[in-house]
Amino acid sequence: MRQVTRGTLVIDADRCKGCELCIVACPPRVLTMSRAGNATGYLYPELAPGCTGCTACQQVCPDFVFEVYKYHEPIVSGSDAERMQ
């Protein structure tokens, strides 16, 4: 499956309190909660390929867990990636 990533996140897992607001807010649905807890025992979000850099996660996060970065050029991965280059 072809995946286009237009941005990325830096996630401060130790600041997260596991509210999951970011999971629901993420339009491309590329955030999932971890299986292991952070230093205080809370689950935290993990990023899969496909981030658009939209900042929705950052906007809803009450704990300022996210730094969002947009790429100048999208990264294409998956089975169709070689044909597109």
PDB file of N, CA and C in Angstrom:
ATOM      1  N   MET A   1       0.830  -1.185   0.000  1.00  0.00           N
ATOM      2  CA  MET A   1       0.000   0.000   0.000  1.00  0.00           C
ATOM      3  C   MET A   1       0.876   1.251   0.000  1.00  0.00           C
ATOM      4  N   ARG A   2       0.547   2.189  -0.832  1.00  0.00           N
ATOM      5  CA  ARG A   2       1.290   3.443  -0.951  1.00  0.00           C
ATOM      6  C   ARG A   2       0.942   4.361   0.216  1.00  0.00           C
ATOM      7  N   GLN A   3       1.964   4.963   0.812  1.00  0.00           N
ATOM      8  CA  GLN A   3       1.775   5.859   1.946  1.00  0.00           C
ATOM      9  C   GLN A   3       2.524   7.159   1.676  1.00  0.00           C
ATOM     10  N   VAL A   4       1.860   8.295   1.823  1.00  0.00           N
ATOM     11  CA  VAL A   4       2.488   9.599   1.640  1.00  0.00           C
ATOM     12  C   VAL A   4       2.563  10.278   3.002  1.00  0.00           C
ATOM     13  N   THR A   5       3.776  10.676   3.378  1.00  0.00           N
ATOM     14  CA  THR A   5       4.001  11.363   4.640  1.00  0.00           C
ATOM     15  C   THR A   5       4.433  12.787   4.335  1.00  0.00           C
ATOM     16  N   ARG A   6       3.682  13.752   4.830  1.00  0.00           N
ATOM     17  CA  ARG A   6       3.971  15.165   4.563  1.00  0.00           C
ATOM     18  C   ARG A   6       4.525  15.910   5.774  1.00  0.00           C
ATOM     19  N   GLY A   7       4.551  15.240   6.917  1.00  0.00           N
ATOM     20  CA  GLY A   7       5.053  15.860   8.135  1.00  0.00           C
ATOM     21  C   GLY A   7       5.454  14.814   9.147  1.00  0.00           C
ATOM     22  N   THR A   8       5.954  15.282  10.263  1.00  0.00           N
ATOM     23  CA  THR A   8       6.336  14.370  11.341  1.00  0.00           C
ATOM     24  C   THR A   8       6.133  15.055  12.684  1.00  0.00           C
ATOM     25  N   LEU A   9       6.199  14.271  13.730  1.00  0.00           N
ATOM     26  CA  LEU A   9       6.004  14.764  15.083  1.00  0.00           C
ATOM     27  C   LEU A   9       7.183  14.377  15.960  1.00  0.00           C
ATOM     28  N   VAL A  10       7.483  15.240  16.902  1.00  0.00           N
ATOM     29  CA  VAL A  10       8.326  14.866  18.022  1.00  0.00           C
ATOM     30  C   VAL A  10       7.358  14.747  19.189  1.00  0.00           C
ATOM     31  N   ILE A  11       7.329  13.583  19.802  1.00  0.00           N
ATOM     32  CA  ILE A  11       6.385  13.300  20.882  1.00  0.00           C
ATOM     33  C   ILE A  11       7.155  13.177  22.189  1.00  0.00           C
ATOM     34  N   ASP A  12       6.841  14.040  23.145  1.00  0.00           N
ATOM     35  CA  ASP A  12       7.452  13.977  24.469  1.00  0.00           C
ATOM     36  C   ASP A  12       6.619  13.013  25.314  1.00  0.00           C
ATOM     37  N   ALA A  13       6.939  11.746  25.205  1.00  0.00           N
ATOM     38  CA  ALA A  13       6.146  10.687  25.830  1.00  0.00           C
ATOM     39  C   ALA A  13       6.022  10.853  27.343  1.00  0.00           C
ATOM     40  N   ASP A  14       7.048  11.365  27.989  1.00  0.00           N
ATOM     41  CA  ASP A  14       7.007  11.493  29.442  1.00  0.00           C
ATOM     42  C   ASP A  14       6.069  12.599  29.933  1.00  0.00           C
ATOM     43  N   ARG A  15       5.700  13.536  29.066  1.00  0.00           N
ATOM     44  CA  ARG A  15       4.737  14.586  29.452  1.00  0.00           C
ATOM     45  C   ARG A  15       3.297  14.114  29.301  1.00  0.00           C
ATOM     46  N   CYS A  16       3.082  13.065  28.526  1.00  0.00           N
ATOM     47  CA  CYS A  16       1.735  12.599  28.203  1.00  0.00           C
ATOM     48  C   CYS A  16       1.057  11.971  29.415  1.00  0.00           C
ATOM     49  N   LYS A  17      -0.238  12.275  29.552  1.00  0.00           N
ATOM     50  CA  LYS A  17      -1.039  11.684  30.625  1.00  0.00           C
ATOM     51  C   LYS A  17      -2.097  10.728  30.078  1.00  0.00           C
ATOM     52  N   GLY A  18      -1.983  10.370  28.799  1.00  0.00           N
ATOM     53  CA  GLY A  18      -2.819   9.322  28.229  1.00  0.00           C
ATOM     54  C   GLY A  18      -4.279   9.675  27.978  1.00  0.00           C
ATOM     55  N   CYS A  19      -4.602  10.934  27.752  1.00  0.00           N
ATOM     56  CA  CYS A  19      -6.009  11.329  27.577  1.00  0.00           C
ATOM     57  C   CYS A  19      -6.604  10.856  26.245  1.00  0.00           C
ATOM     58  N   GLU A  20      -5.756  10.574  25.257  1.00  0.00           N
ATOM     59  CA  GLU A  20      -6.154  10.083  23.931  1.00  0.00           C
ATOM     60  C   GLU A  20      -6.908  11.104  23.075  1.00  0.00           C
ATOM     61  N   LEU A  21      -6.918  12.370  23.439  1.00  0.00           N
ATOM     62  CA  LEU A  21      -7.566  13.392  22.602  1.00  0.00           C
ATOM     63  C   LEU A  21      -6.902  13.471  21.229  1.00  0.00           C
ATOM     64  N   CYS A  22      -5.612  13.287  21.172  1.00  0.00           N
ATOM     65  CA  CYS A  22      -4.877  13.349  19.908  1.00  0.00           C
ATOM     66  C   CYS A  22      -5.276  12.221  18.959  1.00  0.00           C
ATOM     67  N   ILE A  23      -5.566  11.068  19.503  1.00  0.00           N
ATOM     68  CA  ILE A  23      -5.932   9.905  18.686  1.00  0.00           C
ATOM     69  C   ILE A  23      -7.205  10.209  17.900  1.00  0.00           C
ATOM     70  N   VAL A  24      -8.177  10.764  18.578  1.00  0.00           N
ATOM     71  CA  VAL A  24      -9.465  11.102  17.954  1.00  0.00           C
ATOM     72  C   VAL A  24      -9.318  12.276  16.994  1.00  0.00           C
ATOM     73  N   ALA A  25      -8.445  13.241  17.313  1.00  0.00           N
ATOM     74  CA  ALA A  25      -8.301  14.459  16.507  1.00  0.00           C
ATOM     75  C   ALA A  25      -7.510  14.249  15.216  1.00  0.00           C
ATOM     76  N   CYS A  26      -6.731  13.199  15.121  1.00  0.00           N
ATOM     77  CA  CYS A  26      -5.825  12.984  13.981  1.00  0.00           C
ATOM     78  C   CYS A  26      -6.599  12.614  12.710  1.00  0.00           C
ATOM     79  N   PRO A  27      -6.668  13.530  11.715  1.00  0.00           N
ATOM     80  CA  PRO A  27      -7.426  13.225  10.482  1.00  0.00           C
ATOM     81  C   PRO A  27      -6.925  12.008   9.702  1.00  0.00           C
ATOM     82  N   PRO A  28      -5.594  11.826   9.534  1.00  0.00           N
ATOM     83  CA  PRO A  28      -5.164  10.627   8.793  1.00  0.00           C
ATOM     84  C   PRO A  28      -5.107   9.361   9.646  1.00  0.00           C
ATOM     85  N   ARG A  29      -5.462   9.462  10.925  1.00  0.00           N
ATOM     86  CA  ARG A  29      -5.504   8.305  11.835  1.00  0.00           C
ATOM     87  C   ARG A  29      -4.172   7.563  11.913  1.00  0.00           C
ATOM     88  N   VAL A  30      -3.083   8.321  12.081  1.00  0.00           N
ATOM     89  CA  VAL A  30      -1.756   7.709  12.155  1.00  0.00           C
ATOM     90  C   VAL A  30      -1.194   7.681  13.575  1.00  0.00           C
ATOM     91  N   LEU A  31      -1.982   8.099  14.553  1.00  0.00           N
ATOM     92  CA  LEU A  31      -1.563   8.015  15.950  1.00  0.00           C
ATOM     93  C   LEU A  31      -2.279   6.854  16.630  1.00  0.00           C
ATOM     94  N   THR A  32      -1.518   6.069  17.370  1.00  0.00           N
ATOM     95  CA  THR A  32      -2.082   4.988  18.179  1.00  0.00           C
ATOM     96  C   THR A  32      -1.437   5.072  19.558  1.00  0.00           C
ATOM     97  N   MET A  33      -2.109   4.539  20.548  1.00  0.00           N
ATOM     98  CA  MET A  33      -1.541   4.550  21.895  1.00  0.00           C
ATOM     99  C   MET A  33      -0.550   3.406  22.048  1.00  0.00           C
ATOM    100  N   SER A  34       0.503   3.677  22.794  1.00  0.00           N
ATOM    101  CA  SER A  34       1.538   2.678  23.051  1.00  0.00           C
ATOM    102  C   SER A  34       0.981   1.539  23.891  1.00  0.00           C
ATOM    103  N   ARG A  35       1.707   0.473  23.931  1.00  0.00           N
ATOM    104  CA  ARG A  35       1.334  -0.657  24.801  1.00  0.00           C
ATOM    105  C   ARG A  35       2.056  -0.556  26.139  1.00  0.00           C
ATOM    106  N   ALA A  36       3.202   0.096  26.126  1.00  0.00           N
ATOM    107  CA  ALA A  36       3.980   0.286  27.355  1.00  0.00           C
ATOM    108  C   ALA A  36       3.736   1.691  27.892  1.00  0.00           C
ATOM    109  N   GLY A  37       3.866   1.856  29.171  1.00  0.00           N
ATOM    110  CA  GLY A  37       3.657   3.153  29.789  1.00  0.00           C
ATOM    111  C   GLY A  37       4.922   4.000  29.797  1.00  0.00           C
ATOM    112  N   ASN A  38       4.726   5.311  29.999  1.00  0.00           N
ATOM    113  CA  ASN A  38       5.864   6.215  30.128  1.00  0.00           C
ATOM    114  C   ASN A  38       6.411   6.140  31.559  1.00  0.00           C
ATOM    115  N   ALA A  39       7.252   7.083  31.949  1.00  0.00           N
ATOM    116  CA  ALA A  39       7.890   7.046  33.277  1.00  0.00           C
ATOM    117  C   ALA A  39       6.882   7.086  34.420  1.00  0.00           C
ATOM    118  N   THR A  40       5.703   7.689  34.172  1.00  0.00           N
ATOM    119  CA  THR A  40       4.680   7.758  35.221  1.00  0.00           C
ATOM    120  C   THR A  40       3.580   6.712  35.032  1.00  0.00           C
ATOM    121  N   GLY A  41       3.746   5.839  34.054  1.00  0.00           N
ATOM    122  CA  GLY A  41       2.813   4.738  33.864  1.00  0.00           C
ATOM    123  C   GLY A  41       1.711   4.974  32.852  1.00  0.00           C
ATOM    124  N   TYR A  42       1.641   6.165  32.252  1.00  0.00           N
ATOM    125  CA  TYR A  42       0.594   6.463  31.268  1.00  0.00           C
ATOM    126  C   TYR A  42       0.984   5.954  29.880  1.00  0.00           C
ATOM    127  N   LEU A  43      -0.002   5.484  29.142  1.00  0.00           N
ATOM    128  CA  LEU A  43       0.221   5.168  27.736  1.00  0.00           C
ATOM    129  C   LEU A  43       0.361   6.484  26.987  1.00  0.00           C
ATOM    130  N   TYR A  44       1.077   6.471  25.885  1.00  0.00           N
ATOM    131  CA  TYR A  44       1.344   7.691  25.122  1.00  0.00           C
ATOM    132  C   TYR A  44       1.179   7.406  23.628  1.00  0.00           C
ATOM    133  N   PRO A  45       0.991   8.444  22.808  1.00  0.00           N
ATOM    134  CA  PRO A  45       0.792   8.223  21.374  1.00  0.00           C
ATOM    135  C   PRO A  45       2.079   7.844  20.652  1.00  0.00           C
ATOM    136  N   GLU A  46       1.917   7.010  19.636  1.00  0.00           N
ATOM    137  CA  GLU A  46       3.014   6.648  18.752  1.00  0.00           C
ATOM    138  C   GLU A  46       2.587   6.960  17.328  1.00  0.00           C
ATOM    139  N   LEU A  47       3.527   7.388  16.518  1.00  0.00           N
ATOM    140  CA  LEU A  47       3.255   7.829  15.153  1.00  0.00           C
ATOM    141  C   LEU A  47       3.591   6.759  14.124  1.00  0.00           C
ATOM    142  N   ALA A  48       2.659   6.516  13.213  1.00  0.00           N
ATOM    143  CA  ALA A  48       2.883   5.635  12.063  1.00  0.00           C
ATOM    144  C   ALA A  48       3.074   6.519  10.825  1.00  0.00           C
ATOM    145  N   PRO A  49       3.588   5.985   9.724  1.00  0.00           N
ATOM    146  CA  PRO A  49       3.722   6.772   8.500  1.00  0.00           C
ATOM    147  C   PRO A  49       2.370   7.317   8.030  1.00  0.00           C
ATOM    148  N   GLY A  50       2.395   8.481   7.403  1.00  0.00           N
ATOM    149  CA  GLY A  50       1.189   9.072   6.853  1.00  0.00           C
ATOM    150  C   GLY A  50       0.811  10.402   7.468  1.00  0.00           C
ATOM    151  N   CYS A  51       1.632  10.917   8.370  1.00  0.00           N
ATOM    152  CA  CYS A  51       1.349  12.214   9.004  1.00  0.00           C
ATOM    153  C   CYS A  51       1.305  13.315   7.942  1.00  0.00           C
ATOM    154  N   THR A  52       0.327  14.209   8.068  1.00  0.00           N
ATOM    155  CA  THR A  52       0.198  15.326   7.132  1.00  0.00           C
ATOM    156  C   THR A  52       0.769  16.618   7.694  1.00  0.00           C
ATOM    157  N   GLY A  53       1.139  16.637   8.963  1.00  0.00           N
ATOM    158  CA  GLY A  53       1.644  17.846   9.590  1.00  0.00           C
ATOM    159  C   GLY A  53       0.556  18.869   9.848  1.00  0.00           C
ATOM    160  N   CYS A  54      -0.669  18.408  10.020  1.00  0.00           N
ATOM    161  CA  CYS A  54      -1.831  19.304  10.131  1.00  0.00           C
ATOM    162  C   CYS A  54      -1.915  20.053  11.461  1.00  0.00           C
ATOM    163  N   THR A  55      -1.243  19.600  12.487  1.00  0.00           N
ATOM    164  CA  THR A  55      -1.205  20.160  13.841  1.00  0.00           C
ATOM    165  C   THR A  55      -2.456  19.895  14.681  1.00  0.00           C
ATOM    166  N   ALA A  56      -3.376  19.069  14.236  1.00  0.00           N
ATOM    167  CA  ALA A  56      -4.583  18.790  15.021  1.00  0.00           C
ATOM    168  C   ALA A  56      -4.223  18.200  16.382  1.00  0.00           C
ATOM    169  N   CYS A  57      -3.262  17.293  16.419  1.00  0.00           N
ATOM    170  CA  CYS A  57      -2.852  16.680  17.684  1.00  0.00           C
ATOM    171  C   CYS A  57      -2.291  17.726  18.639  1.00  0.00           C
ATOM    172  N   GLN A  58      -1.494  18.599  18.105  1.00  0.00           N
ATOM    173  CA  GLN A  58      -0.878  19.654  18.907  1.00  0.00           C
ATOM    174  C   GLN A  58      -1.932  20.616  19.467  1.00  0.00           C
ATOM    175  N   GLN A  59      -2.930  20.913  18.676  1.00  0.00           N
ATOM    176  CA  GLN A  59      -3.968  21.858  19.085  1.00  0.00           C
ATOM    177  C   GLN A  59      -4.845  21.326  20.215  1.00  0.00           C
ATOM    178  N   VAL A  60      -5.101  20.012  20.254  1.00  0.00           N
ATOM    179  CA  VAL A  60      -5.983  19.472  21.291  1.00  0.00           C
ATOM    180  C   VAL A  60      -5.242  18.982  22.536  1.00  0.00           C
ATOM    181  N   CYS A  61      -3.940  18.875  22.478  1.00  0.00           N
ATOM    182  CA  CYS A  61      -3.172  18.297  23.582  1.00  0.00           C
ATOM    183  C   CYS A  61      -3.056  19.262  24.765  1.00  0.00           C
ATOM    184  N   PRO A  62      -3.615  18.890  25.914  1.00  0.00           N
ATOM    185  CA  PRO A  62      -3.528  19.758  27.093  1.00  0.00           C
ATOM    186  C   PRO A  62      -2.155  19.725  27.773  1.00  0.00           C
ATOM    187  N   ASP A  63      -1.297  18.784  27.375  1.00  0.00           N
ATOM    188  CA  ASP A  63      -0.009  18.619  28.039  1.00  0.00           C
ATOM    189  C   ASP A  63       1.189  19.041  27.181  1.00  0.00           C
ATOM    190  N   PHE A  64       0.930  19.650  26.031  1.00  0.00           N
ATOM    191  CA  PHE A  64       1.989  20.163  25.146  1.00  0.00           C
ATOM    192  C   PHE A  64       3.019  19.083  24.810  1.00  0.00           C
ATOM    193  N   VAL A  65       2.515  17.935  24.391  1.00  0.00           N
ATOM    194  CA  VAL A  65       3.337  16.765  24.100  1.00  0.00           C
ATOM    195  C   VAL A  65       3.968  16.826  22.708  1.00  0.00           C
ATOM    196  N   PHE A  66       3.357  17.566  21.770  1.00  0.00           N
ATOM    197  CA  PHE A  66       3.738  17.478  20.361  1.00  0.00           C
ATOM    198  C   PHE A  66       4.504  18.688  19.841  1.00  0.00           C
ATOM    199  N   GLU A  67       5.515  18.408  19.018  1.00  0.00           N
ATOM    200  CA  GLU A  67       6.125  19.394  18.136  1.00  0.00           C
ATOM    201  C   GLU A  67       5.849  18.866  16.734  1.00  0.00           C
ATOM    202  N   VAL A  68       5.275  19.704  15.866  1.00  0.00           N
ATOM    203  CA  VAL A  68       4.877  19.273  14.529  1.00  0.00           C
ATOM    204  C   VAL A  68       5.777  19.931  13.493  1.00  0.00           C
ATOM    205  N   TYR A  69       6.245  19.143  12.533  1.00  0.00           N
ATOM    206  CA  TYR A  69       7.099  19.634  11.456  1.00  0.00           C
ATOM    207  C   TYR A  69       6.532  19.182  10.119  1.00  0.00           C
ATOM    208  N   LYS A  70       6.516  20.090   9.141  1.00  0.00           N
ATOM    209  CA  LYS A  70       6.093  19.750   7.777  1.00  0.00           C
ATOM    210  C   LYS A  70       7.331  19.595   6.909  1.00  0.00           C
ATOM    211  N   TYR A  71       7.303  18.584   6.051  1.00  0.00           N
ATOM    212  CA  TYR A  71       8.393  18.377   5.103  1.00  0.00           C
ATOM    213  C   TYR A  71       8.218  19.304   3.898  1.00  0.00           C
ATOM    214  N   HIS A  72       9.338  19.739   3.312  1.00  0.00           N
ATOM    215  CA  HIS A  72       9.270  20.521   2.079  1.00  0.00           C
ATOM    216  C   HIS A  72       8.788  19.660   0.919  1.00  0.00           C
ATOM    217  N   GLU A  73       9.222  18.409   0.899  1.00  0.00           N
ATOM    218  CA  GLU A  73       8.811  17.436  -0.108  1.00  0.00           C
ATOM    219  C   GLU A  73       8.226  16.223   0.599  1.00  0.00           C
ATOM    220  N   PRO A  74       7.067  15.729   0.162  1.00  0.00           N
ATOM    221  CA  PRO A  74       6.488  14.547   0.818  1.00  0.00           C
ATOM    222  C   PRO A  74       7.359  13.308   0.626  1.00  0.00           C
ATOM    223  N   ILE A  75       7.259  12.396   1.572  1.00  0.00           N
ATOM    224  CA  ILE A  75       7.964  11.120   1.501  1.00  0.00           C
ATOM    225  C   ILE A  75       6.939  10.066   1.093  1.00  0.00           C
ATOM    226  N   VAL A  76       7.232   9.362   0.009  1.00  0.00           N
ATOM    227  CA  VAL A  76       6.330   8.331  -0.494  1.00  0.00           C
ATOM    228  C   VAL A  76       6.956   6.971  -0.221  1.00  0.00           C
ATOM    229  N   SER A  77       6.196   6.092   0.401  1.00  0.00           N
ATOM    230  CA  SER A  77       6.684   4.747   0.679  1.00  0.00           C
ATOM    231  C   SER A  77       5.609   3.743   0.299  1.00  0.00           C
ATOM    232  N   GLY A  78       5.993   2.492   0.207  1.00  0.00           N
ATOM    233  CA  GLY A  78       5.027   1.442  -0.126  1.00  0.00           C
ATOM    234  C   GLY A  78       5.253   0.896  -1.507  1.00  0.00           C
ATOM    235  N   SER A  79       4.357   0.047  -1.945  1.00  0.00           N
ATOM    236  CA  SER A  79       4.532  -0.703  -3.194  1.00  0.00           C
ATOM    237  C   SER A  79       4.573   0.174  -4.441  1.00  0.00           C
ATOM    238  N   ASP A  80       3.885   1.302  -4.457  1.00  0.00           N
ATOM    239  CA  ASP A  80       3.876   2.167  -5.639  1.00  0.00           C
ATOM    240  C   ASP A  80       4.943   3.253  -5.580  1.00  0.00           C
ATOM    241  N   ALA A  81       5.721   3.334  -4.506  1.00  0.00           N
ATOM    242  CA  ALA A  81       6.697   4.409  -4.315  1.00  0.00           C
ATOM    243  C   ALA A  81       7.752   4.430  -5.415  1.00  0.00           C
ATOM    244  N   GLU A  82       8.225   3.257  -5.837  1.00  0.00           N
ATOM    245  CA  GLU A  82       9.278   3.213  -6.840  1.00  0.00           C
ATOM    246  C   GLU A  82       8.789   3.748  -8.194  1.00  0.00           C
ATOM    247  N   ARG A  83       7.528   3.494  -8.521  1.00  0.00           N
ATOM    248  CA  ARG A  83       6.983   3.961  -9.797  1.00  0.00           C
ATOM    249  C   ARG A  83       6.813   5.464  -9.833  1.00  0.00           C
ATOM    250  N   MET A  84       6.613   6.095  -8.687  1.00  0.00           N
ATOM    251  CA  MET A  84       6.361   7.520  -8.632  1.00  0.00           C
ATOM    252  C   MET A  84       7.641   8.340  -8.740  1.00  0.00           C
ATOM    253  N   GLN A  85       8.787   7.743  -8.464  1.00  0.00           N
ATOM    254  CA  GLN A  85      10.035   8.505  -8.465  1.00  0.00           C
ATOM    255  C   GLN A  85      10.659   8.587  -9.811  1.00  0.00           C
TER     256      GLN A  85
END
